[in-house]
Amino acid sequence: MQRRRLIAVAAALVVASGCSAQSDDGPPAGSAASASAPESADDARQAVEAYVQALNSRSVSGLISVGGVKDAAWSRKEADQILSERGGRGFTIKGVQTQQDMGPDVASVRLSVEDKSGKPLRETLTAVREKKAWHLVVFTNQPADQGKESASTDKSSS
């Protein structure tokens, strides 16, 4: 649940923040990058490259790895859904901009890709570093931990 709260706060601050933008434009797509042990927001690019590679190869396990979630029925189902919407298009990275939003462990990433037919796609993702590995927040249906109550934005009825 703590991770969900961190992600929610990060997403809210990404919208409100606008500091220390860093750019890394270039076409090195399709490299076999992994999302392990980068040291700065610039290094979150490795996670982005792994994400694009997982999409292109329609790899459920690749998405689960770059998302930093448990390999479980819910994550496989969500990965299948992501791949049915975006997988197998032959994306080439045209640009990656990372912006350190809230300290050293959260960054927003603006990704520009082009599919094999030349159609552009732009996506903004949140990257979170956990245990020296950058992961992209691409999974949104992670179940809450057992015995913990989910946070709510509803007004109290009392």
N, C-alpha and C. Protein backbone atom coordinates (compact mmCIF):
# COMPACT_ATOMS: atom_id res chain seq x y z
N MET A 1 0.82 -1.19 0.00
CA MET A 1 0.00 0.00 0.00
C MET A 1 0.87 1.25 0.00
N GLN A 2 2.03 1.19 0.68
CA GLN A 2 2.92 2.34 0.73
C GLN A 2 3.37 2.71 -0.68
N ARG A 3 3.64 1.71 -1.52
CA ARG A 3 4.05 1.98 -2.89
C ARG A 3 2.94 2.68 -3.66
N ARG A 4 1.69 2.25 -3.44
CA ARG A 4 0.57 2.88 -4.13
C ARG A 4 0.44 4.34 -3.74
N ARG A 5 0.63 4.63 -2.45
CA ARG A 5 0.55 6.02 -1.99
C ARG A 5 1.67 6.83 -2.59
N LEU A 6 2.89 6.28 -2.62
CA LEU A 6 4.02 6.98 -3.22
C LEU A 6 3.74 7.29 -4.69
N ILE A 7 3.19 6.33 -5.39
CA ILE A 7 2.89 6.52 -6.81
C ILE A 7 1.82 7.57 -7.00
N ALA A 8 0.78 7.56 -6.15
CA ALA A 8 -0.28 8.55 -6.26
C ALA A 8 0.25 9.96 -5.98
N VAL A 9 1.08 10.08 -4.96
CA VAL A 9 1.67 11.38 -4.64
C VAL A 9 2.59 11.82 -5.77
N ALA A 10 3.38 10.89 -6.28
CA ALA A 10 4.30 11.21 -7.38
C ALA A 10 3.54 11.70 -8.60
N ALA A 11 2.46 11.02 -8.93
CA ALA A 11 1.67 11.42 -10.10
C ALA A 11 1.08 12.80 -9.91
N ALA A 12 0.60 13.11 -8.71
CA ALA A 12 0.03 14.43 -8.45
C ALA A 12 1.09 15.52 -8.56
N LEU A 13 2.27 15.24 -8.03
CA LEU A 13 3.33 16.24 -8.08
C LEU A 13 3.95 16.38 -9.46
N VAL A 14 3.89 15.33 -10.26
CA VAL A 14 4.38 15.41 -11.63
C VAL A 14 3.61 16.48 -12.39
N VAL A 15 2.31 16.51 -12.17
CA VAL A 15 1.46 17.48 -12.84
C VAL A 15 1.79 18.90 -12.39
N ALA A 16 2.06 19.07 -11.10
CA ALA A 16 2.29 20.40 -10.54
C ALA A 16 3.73 20.87 -10.65
N SER A 17 4.65 19.98 -10.92
CA SER A 17 6.06 20.33 -10.86
C SER A 17 6.62 20.64 -12.24
N GLY A 18 7.73 21.31 -12.26
CA GLY A 18 8.40 21.59 -13.53
C GLY A 18 9.85 21.94 -13.32
N CYS A 19 10.64 21.05 -12.73
CA CYS A 19 12.01 21.39 -12.41
C CYS A 19 12.99 20.40 -12.98
N SER A 20 14.18 20.84 -13.24
CA SER A 20 15.37 20.11 -13.70
C SER A 20 15.09 19.10 -14.80
N ALA A 21 14.56 19.56 -15.91
CA ALA A 21 14.31 18.66 -17.04
C ALA A 21 15.64 18.25 -17.66
N GLN A 22 15.74 16.99 -18.02
CA GLN A 22 16.91 16.48 -18.69
C GLN A 22 16.43 15.73 -19.92
N SER A 23 17.14 15.88 -21.00
CA SER A 23 16.70 15.27 -22.24
C SER A 23 17.74 14.29 -22.74
N ASP A 24 17.28 13.23 -23.34
CA ASP A 24 18.14 12.25 -23.97
C ASP A 24 17.45 11.82 -25.24
N ASP A 25 17.60 12.62 -26.29
CA ASP A 25 16.95 12.31 -27.55
C ASP A 25 17.87 11.43 -28.38
N GLY A 26 17.28 10.46 -29.04
CA GLY A 26 18.08 9.61 -29.90
C GLY A 26 17.34 8.34 -30.20
N PRO A 27 17.71 7.68 -31.28
CA PRO A 27 16.97 6.52 -31.74
C PRO A 27 17.44 5.16 -31.29
N PRO A 28 18.24 4.98 -30.22
CA PRO A 28 18.69 3.63 -29.95
C PRO A 28 17.62 2.74 -29.36
N ALA A 29 16.69 2.32 -30.18
CA ALA A 29 15.61 1.44 -29.73
C ALA A 29 15.99 0.00 -29.96
N GLY A 30 15.26 -0.87 -29.27
CA GLY A 30 15.44 -2.28 -29.53
C GLY A 30 16.65 -2.87 -28.86
N SER A 31 17.45 -2.09 -28.13
CA SER A 31 18.58 -2.68 -27.45
C SER A 31 18.08 -3.49 -26.27
N ALA A 32 18.81 -4.50 -25.92
CA ALA A 32 18.39 -5.39 -24.85
C ALA A 32 18.77 -4.81 -23.51
N ALA A 33 18.13 -3.73 -23.11
CA ALA A 33 18.43 -3.08 -21.85
C ALA A 33 17.59 -3.69 -20.75
N SER A 34 18.12 -3.65 -19.55
CA SER A 34 17.34 -4.09 -18.40
C SER A 34 17.16 -2.90 -17.46
N ALA A 35 16.24 -3.03 -16.54
CA ALA A 35 15.95 -1.93 -15.62
C ALA A 35 16.63 -2.18 -14.29
N SER A 36 17.94 -2.47 -14.29
CA SER A 36 18.59 -2.76 -13.03
C SER A 36 19.74 -1.81 -12.76
N ALA A 37 19.78 -1.28 -11.53
CA ALA A 37 20.87 -0.53 -10.93
C ALA A 37 21.26 0.78 -11.57
N PRO A 38 20.39 1.53 -12.22
CA PRO A 38 20.77 2.85 -12.65
C PRO A 38 20.87 3.79 -11.45
N GLU A 39 21.61 4.88 -11.60
CA GLU A 39 21.87 5.76 -10.47
C GLU A 39 21.17 7.11 -10.54
N SER A 40 20.64 7.53 -11.67
CA SER A 40 19.97 8.83 -11.76
C SER A 40 18.73 8.72 -12.65
N ALA A 41 17.99 9.83 -12.72
CA ALA A 41 16.79 9.82 -13.57
C ALA A 41 17.16 9.57 -15.02
N ASP A 42 18.32 10.03 -15.45
CA ASP A 42 18.75 9.74 -16.81
C ASP A 42 18.83 8.23 -17.04
N ASP A 43 19.23 7.51 -16.01
CA ASP A 43 19.35 6.06 -16.14
C ASP A 43 18.00 5.37 -16.18
N ALA A 44 16.92 6.07 -15.92
CA ALA A 44 15.59 5.51 -16.06
C ALA A 44 15.34 5.15 -17.53
N ARG A 45 16.15 5.69 -18.42
CA ARG A 45 16.03 5.37 -19.85
C ARG A 45 16.14 3.87 -20.09
N GLN A 46 16.97 3.19 -19.29
CA GLN A 46 17.10 1.74 -19.45
C GLN A 46 15.75 1.06 -19.23
N ALA A 47 14.99 1.53 -18.26
CA ALA A 47 13.66 0.97 -18.02
C ALA A 47 12.74 1.27 -19.20
N VAL A 48 12.86 2.47 -19.77
CA VAL A 48 12.05 2.85 -20.92
C VAL A 48 12.38 1.96 -22.12
N GLU A 49 13.66 1.71 -22.34
CA GLU A 49 14.06 0.84 -23.45
C GLU A 49 13.54 -0.58 -23.24
N ALA A 50 13.59 -1.07 -21.99
CA ALA A 50 13.06 -2.40 -21.69
C ALA A 50 11.55 -2.44 -21.91
N TYR A 51 10.87 -1.35 -21.58
CA TYR A 51 9.42 -1.24 -21.80
C TYR A 51 9.09 -1.33 -23.28
N VAL A 52 9.79 -0.56 -24.10
CA VAL A 52 9.55 -0.56 -25.54
C VAL A 52 9.87 -1.93 -26.13
N GLN A 53 10.96 -2.54 -25.65
CA GLN A 53 11.31 -3.88 -26.13
C GLN A 53 10.23 -4.89 -25.76
N ALA A 54 9.70 -4.80 -24.53
CA ALA A 54 8.64 -5.72 -24.10
C ALA A 54 7.38 -5.53 -24.95
N LEU A 55 7.05 -4.27 -25.27
CA LEU A 55 5.90 -4.02 -26.14
C LEU A 55 6.12 -4.63 -27.52
N ASN A 56 7.28 -4.37 -28.09
CA ASN A 56 7.57 -4.85 -29.44
C ASN A 56 7.56 -6.37 -29.52
N SER A 57 8.06 -7.03 -28.49
CA SER A 57 8.15 -8.50 -28.51
C SER A 57 6.93 -9.16 -27.88
N ARG A 58 5.97 -8.34 -27.44
CA ARG A 58 4.76 -8.84 -26.78
C ARG A 58 5.11 -9.74 -25.59
N SER A 59 6.04 -9.28 -24.77
CA SER A 59 6.54 -10.06 -23.65
C SER A 59 5.83 -9.70 -22.34
N VAL A 60 5.00 -10.62 -21.86
CA VAL A 60 4.32 -10.43 -20.58
C VAL A 60 5.34 -10.34 -19.46
N SER A 61 6.31 -11.26 -19.45
CA SER A 61 7.31 -11.25 -18.38
C SER A 61 8.18 -9.99 -18.45
N GLY A 62 8.43 -9.48 -19.64
CA GLY A 62 9.19 -8.24 -19.78
C GLY A 62 8.45 -7.05 -19.19
N LEU A 63 7.15 -6.97 -19.42
CA LEU A 63 6.35 -5.89 -18.83
C LEU A 63 6.30 -6.01 -17.32
N ILE A 64 6.14 -7.21 -16.82
CA ILE A 64 6.09 -7.43 -15.37
C ILE A 64 7.42 -7.02 -14.75
N SER A 65 8.51 -7.34 -15.39
CA SER A 65 9.83 -6.98 -14.88
C SER A 65 10.03 -5.46 -14.86
N VAL A 66 9.72 -4.79 -15.97
CA VAL A 66 9.92 -3.34 -16.03
C VAL A 66 8.93 -2.61 -15.12
N GLY A 67 7.78 -3.24 -14.85
CA GLY A 67 6.80 -2.65 -13.95
C GLY A 67 7.12 -2.87 -12.49
N GLY A 68 8.04 -3.80 -12.21
CA GLY A 68 8.44 -4.05 -10.83
C GLY A 68 7.34 -4.63 -9.96
N VAL A 69 6.46 -5.42 -10.56
CA VAL A 69 5.34 -6.02 -9.82
C VAL A 69 5.54 -7.53 -9.74
N LYS A 70 4.78 -8.15 -8.85
CA LYS A 70 4.84 -9.61 -8.70
C LYS A 70 4.26 -10.28 -9.94
N ASP A 71 4.84 -11.41 -10.30
CA ASP A 71 4.30 -12.21 -11.38
C ASP A 71 3.13 -13.00 -10.79
N ALA A 72 1.93 -12.51 -11.01
CA ALA A 72 0.72 -13.11 -10.44
C ALA A 72 -0.38 -13.05 -11.50
N ALA A 73 -1.49 -13.67 -11.20
CA ALA A 73 -2.60 -13.71 -12.16
C ALA A 73 -3.04 -12.30 -12.55
N TRP A 74 -3.16 -11.40 -11.57
CA TRP A 74 -3.62 -10.04 -11.89
C TRP A 74 -2.63 -9.30 -12.78
N SER A 75 -1.30 -9.47 -12.53
CA SER A 75 -0.31 -8.75 -13.33
C SER A 75 -0.22 -9.33 -14.75
N ARG A 76 -0.37 -10.63 -14.88
CA ARG A 76 -0.37 -11.24 -16.21
C ARG A 76 -1.58 -10.80 -17.02
N LYS A 77 -2.73 -10.71 -16.35
CA LYS A 77 -3.95 -10.25 -17.02
C LYS A 77 -3.79 -8.80 -17.50
N GLU A 78 -3.25 -7.95 -16.63
CA GLU A 78 -3.07 -6.55 -17.02
C GLU A 78 -2.00 -6.41 -18.11
N ALA A 79 -0.93 -7.20 -18.03
CA ALA A 79 0.10 -7.18 -19.07
C ALA A 79 -0.49 -7.60 -20.41
N ASP A 80 -1.34 -8.62 -20.40
CA ASP A 80 -2.01 -9.05 -21.64
C ASP A 80 -2.84 -7.91 -22.23
N GLN A 81 -3.53 -7.17 -21.36
CA GLN A 81 -4.35 -6.05 -21.83
C GLN A 81 -3.48 -4.95 -22.44
N ILE A 82 -2.38 -4.61 -21.78
CA ILE A 82 -1.46 -3.59 -22.31
C ILE A 82 -0.92 -4.03 -23.66
N LEU A 83 -0.52 -5.30 -23.76
CA LEU A 83 0.05 -5.80 -25.01
C LEU A 83 -0.99 -5.88 -26.12
N SER A 84 -2.24 -6.14 -25.78
CA SER A 84 -3.27 -6.17 -26.82
C SER A 84 -3.51 -4.78 -27.39
N GLU A 85 -3.31 -3.75 -26.56
CA GLU A 85 -3.51 -2.38 -27.01
C GLU A 85 -2.30 -1.81 -27.74
N ARG A 86 -1.07 -2.17 -27.31
CA ARG A 86 0.13 -1.52 -27.84
C ARG A 86 1.21 -2.46 -28.32
N GLY A 87 1.06 -3.73 -28.10
CA GLY A 87 2.14 -4.66 -28.40
C GLY A 87 2.33 -4.95 -29.88
N GLY A 88 3.57 -5.33 -30.23
CA GLY A 88 3.90 -5.79 -31.57
C GLY A 88 3.87 -4.75 -32.66
N ARG A 89 4.02 -3.49 -32.33
CA ARG A 89 3.96 -2.44 -33.35
C ARG A 89 5.30 -2.06 -33.94
N GLY A 90 6.39 -2.60 -33.40
CA GLY A 90 7.71 -2.25 -33.93
C GLY A 90 8.10 -0.83 -33.61
N PHE A 91 7.88 -0.41 -32.38
CA PHE A 91 8.21 0.96 -31.97
C PHE A 91 9.71 1.22 -32.02
N THR A 92 10.05 2.43 -32.43
CA THR A 92 11.41 2.94 -32.39
C THR A 92 11.39 4.19 -31.52
N ILE A 93 12.30 4.26 -30.57
CA ILE A 93 12.37 5.43 -29.68
C ILE A 93 12.91 6.62 -30.45
N LYS A 94 12.18 7.71 -30.40
CA LYS A 94 12.61 8.96 -31.03
C LYS A 94 13.11 9.96 -30.01
N GLY A 95 12.64 9.86 -28.77
CA GLY A 95 13.10 10.77 -27.73
C GLY A 95 12.63 10.32 -26.36
N VAL A 96 13.48 10.59 -25.36
CA VAL A 96 13.14 10.31 -23.98
C VAL A 96 13.58 11.52 -23.16
N GLN A 97 12.65 12.10 -22.43
CA GLN A 97 12.96 13.20 -21.52
C GLN A 97 12.63 12.74 -20.11
N THR A 98 13.60 12.88 -19.21
CA THR A 98 13.34 12.54 -17.82
C THR A 98 13.37 13.81 -16.99
N GLN A 99 12.54 13.84 -15.99
CA GLN A 99 12.45 15.00 -15.12
C GLN A 99 12.38 14.50 -13.68
N GLN A 100 13.38 14.85 -12.89
CA GLN A 100 13.42 14.45 -11.49
C GLN A 100 12.39 15.29 -10.75
N ASP A 101 11.33 14.64 -10.27
CA ASP A 101 10.19 15.36 -9.72
C ASP A 101 10.24 15.52 -8.20
N MET A 102 10.47 14.44 -7.52
CA MET A 102 10.43 14.46 -6.05
C MET A 102 11.61 13.68 -5.50
N GLY A 103 12.74 14.28 -5.48
CA GLY A 103 13.90 13.59 -4.93
C GLY A 103 14.53 12.64 -5.91
N PRO A 104 15.44 11.83 -5.41
CA PRO A 104 16.24 10.99 -6.30
C PRO A 104 15.56 9.72 -6.79
N ASP A 105 14.39 9.38 -6.26
CA ASP A 105 13.80 8.08 -6.58
C ASP A 105 12.51 8.13 -7.38
N VAL A 106 12.11 9.30 -7.86
CA VAL A 106 10.90 9.42 -8.67
C VAL A 106 11.19 10.36 -9.83
N ALA A 107 10.78 9.96 -11.01
CA ALA A 107 10.96 10.81 -12.20
C ALA A 107 9.77 10.63 -13.12
N SER A 108 9.46 11.68 -13.86
CA SER A 108 8.49 11.52 -14.92
C SER A 108 9.28 11.38 -16.22
N VAL A 109 8.75 10.59 -17.11
CA VAL A 109 9.43 10.29 -18.37
C VAL A 109 8.47 10.59 -19.51
N ARG A 110 8.91 11.42 -20.42
CA ARG A 110 8.15 11.68 -21.65
C ARG A 110 8.80 10.86 -22.75
N LEU A 111 8.02 9.97 -23.30
CA LEU A 111 8.51 9.04 -24.31
C LEU A 111 7.88 9.37 -25.65
N SER A 112 8.71 9.51 -26.65
CA SER A 112 8.25 9.67 -28.03
C SER A 112 8.74 8.48 -28.83
N VAL A 113 7.80 7.76 -29.43
CA VAL A 113 8.14 6.61 -30.26
C VAL A 113 7.40 6.73 -31.58
N GLU A 114 7.84 5.92 -32.51
CA GLU A 114 7.20 5.84 -33.81
C GLU A 114 7.06 4.37 -34.15
N ASP A 115 5.86 3.97 -34.62
CA ASP A 115 5.70 2.56 -34.97
C ASP A 115 6.28 2.30 -36.35
N LYS A 116 6.30 1.05 -36.76
CA LYS A 116 6.95 0.69 -38.03
C LYS A 116 6.30 1.32 -39.25
N SER A 117 5.05 1.78 -39.12
CA SER A 117 4.40 2.47 -40.24
C SER A 117 4.66 3.97 -40.22
N GLY A 118 5.39 4.45 -39.20
CA GLY A 118 5.70 5.87 -39.10
C GLY A 118 4.75 6.67 -38.22
N LYS A 119 3.76 6.02 -37.64
CA LYS A 119 2.80 6.71 -36.79
C LYS A 119 3.43 7.01 -35.43
N PRO A 120 3.40 8.30 -35.03
CA PRO A 120 4.01 8.67 -33.74
C PRO A 120 3.09 8.35 -32.56
N LEU A 121 3.72 8.13 -31.41
CA LEU A 121 3.01 7.95 -30.16
C LEU A 121 3.82 8.63 -29.08
N ARG A 122 3.14 9.40 -28.25
CA ARG A 122 3.79 10.04 -27.11
C ARG A 122 3.11 9.57 -25.85
N GLU A 123 3.90 9.29 -24.84
CA GLU A 123 3.38 8.79 -23.58
C GLU A 123 4.20 9.39 -22.44
N THR A 124 3.53 9.73 -21.35
CA THR A 124 4.20 10.19 -20.15
C THR A 124 4.03 9.12 -19.09
N LEU A 125 5.15 8.69 -18.53
CA LEU A 125 5.17 7.62 -17.54
C LEU A 125 5.83 8.11 -16.27
N THR A 126 5.54 7.47 -15.16
CA THR A 126 6.23 7.74 -13.91
C THR A 126 7.23 6.61 -13.69
N ALA A 127 8.46 6.98 -13.36
CA ALA A 127 9.50 6.00 -13.04
C ALA A 127 9.80 6.10 -11.56
N VAL A 128 9.91 4.95 -10.91
CA VAL A 128 10.18 4.88 -9.48
C VAL A 128 11.37 3.97 -9.26
N ARG A 129 12.32 4.43 -8.46
CA ARG A 129 13.49 3.60 -8.16
C ARG A 129 13.26 2.90 -6.83
N GLU A 130 13.35 1.58 -6.86
CA GLU A 130 13.24 0.75 -5.67
C GLU A 130 14.43 -0.18 -5.63
N LYS A 131 15.17 -0.15 -4.53
CA LYS A 131 16.35 -1.01 -4.36
C LYS A 131 17.30 -0.89 -5.55
N LYS A 132 17.60 0.33 -5.94
CA LYS A 132 18.55 0.67 -7.02
C LYS A 132 18.10 0.27 -8.41
N ALA A 133 16.84 -0.13 -8.58
CA ALA A 133 16.33 -0.48 -9.91
C ALA A 133 15.17 0.44 -10.26
N TRP A 134 15.20 0.99 -11.46
CA TRP A 134 14.11 1.84 -11.95
C TRP A 134 13.01 0.97 -12.53
N HIS A 135 11.77 1.29 -12.19
CA HIS A 135 10.60 0.61 -12.73
C HIS A 135 9.63 1.67 -13.24
N LEU A 136 8.89 1.32 -14.26
CA LEU A 136 7.87 2.22 -14.79
C LEU A 136 6.52 1.84 -14.23
N VAL A 137 5.74 2.83 -13.89
CA VAL A 137 4.40 2.60 -13.34
C VAL A 137 3.46 2.39 -14.53
N VAL A 138 3.35 1.14 -14.96
CA VAL A 138 2.47 0.80 -16.08
C VAL A 138 1.31 -0.08 -15.62
N PHE A 139 1.40 -0.60 -14.41
CA PHE A 139 0.34 -1.44 -13.85
C PHE A 139 -0.49 -0.60 -12.89
N THR A 140 -1.80 -0.58 -13.10
CA THR A 140 -2.67 0.26 -12.28
C THR A 140 -3.66 -0.53 -11.45
N ASN A 141 -3.73 -1.83 -11.65
CA ASN A 141 -4.74 -2.65 -10.96
C ASN A 141 -4.17 -3.54 -9.88
N GLN A 142 -3.04 -3.12 -9.29
CA GLN A 142 -2.41 -3.93 -8.26
C GLN A 142 -3.32 -4.02 -7.04
N PRO A 143 -3.60 -5.23 -6.57
CA PRO A 143 -4.48 -5.37 -5.42
C PRO A 143 -3.81 -4.86 -4.14
N ALA A 144 -4.65 -4.37 -3.21
CA ALA A 144 -4.15 -3.89 -1.93
C ALA A 144 -3.67 -5.07 -1.09
N ASP A 145 -2.71 -4.79 -0.20
CA ASP A 145 -2.23 -5.83 0.71
C ASP A 145 -3.36 -6.31 1.60
N GLN A 146 -3.33 -7.59 1.94
CA GLN A 146 -4.34 -8.17 2.82
C GLN A 146 -4.30 -7.48 4.19
N GLY A 147 -5.48 -7.19 4.73
CA GLY A 147 -5.57 -6.62 6.06
C GLY A 147 -5.37 -5.12 6.11
N LYS A 148 -5.14 -4.48 4.98
CA LYS A 148 -4.96 -3.03 4.95
C LYS A 148 -6.10 -2.40 4.19
N GLU A 149 -6.58 -1.29 4.72
CA GLU A 149 -7.69 -0.58 4.11
C GLU A 149 -7.17 0.35 3.03
N SER A 150 -7.86 0.41 1.91
CA SER A 150 -7.47 1.31 0.82
C SER A 150 -7.83 2.74 1.17
N ALA A 151 -7.01 3.66 0.69
CA ALA A 151 -7.30 5.07 0.88
C ALA A 151 -8.44 5.48 -0.01
N SER A 152 -9.19 6.50 0.39
CA SER A 152 -10.32 6.96 -0.38
C SER A 152 -10.31 8.47 -0.48
N THR A 153 -10.81 8.99 -1.59
CA THR A 153 -10.94 10.43 -1.76
C THR A 153 -12.37 10.89 -1.57
N ASP A 154 -13.25 9.94 -1.24
CA ASP A 154 -14.65 10.29 -0.98
C ASP A 154 -14.78 11.09 0.30
N LYS A 155 -15.75 11.98 0.33
CA LYS A 155 -15.99 12.74 1.55
C LYS A 155 -16.66 11.86 2.59
N SER A 156 -16.31 12.10 3.82
CA SER A 156 -16.88 11.33 4.92
C SER A 156 -18.37 11.61 5.03
N SER A 157 -19.12 10.57 5.36
CA SER A 157 -20.57 10.75 5.48
C SER A 157 -20.97 11.21 6.86
N SER A 158 -20.00 11.39 7.76
CA SER A 158 -20.35 11.83 9.12
C SER A 158 -20.30 13.32 9.27
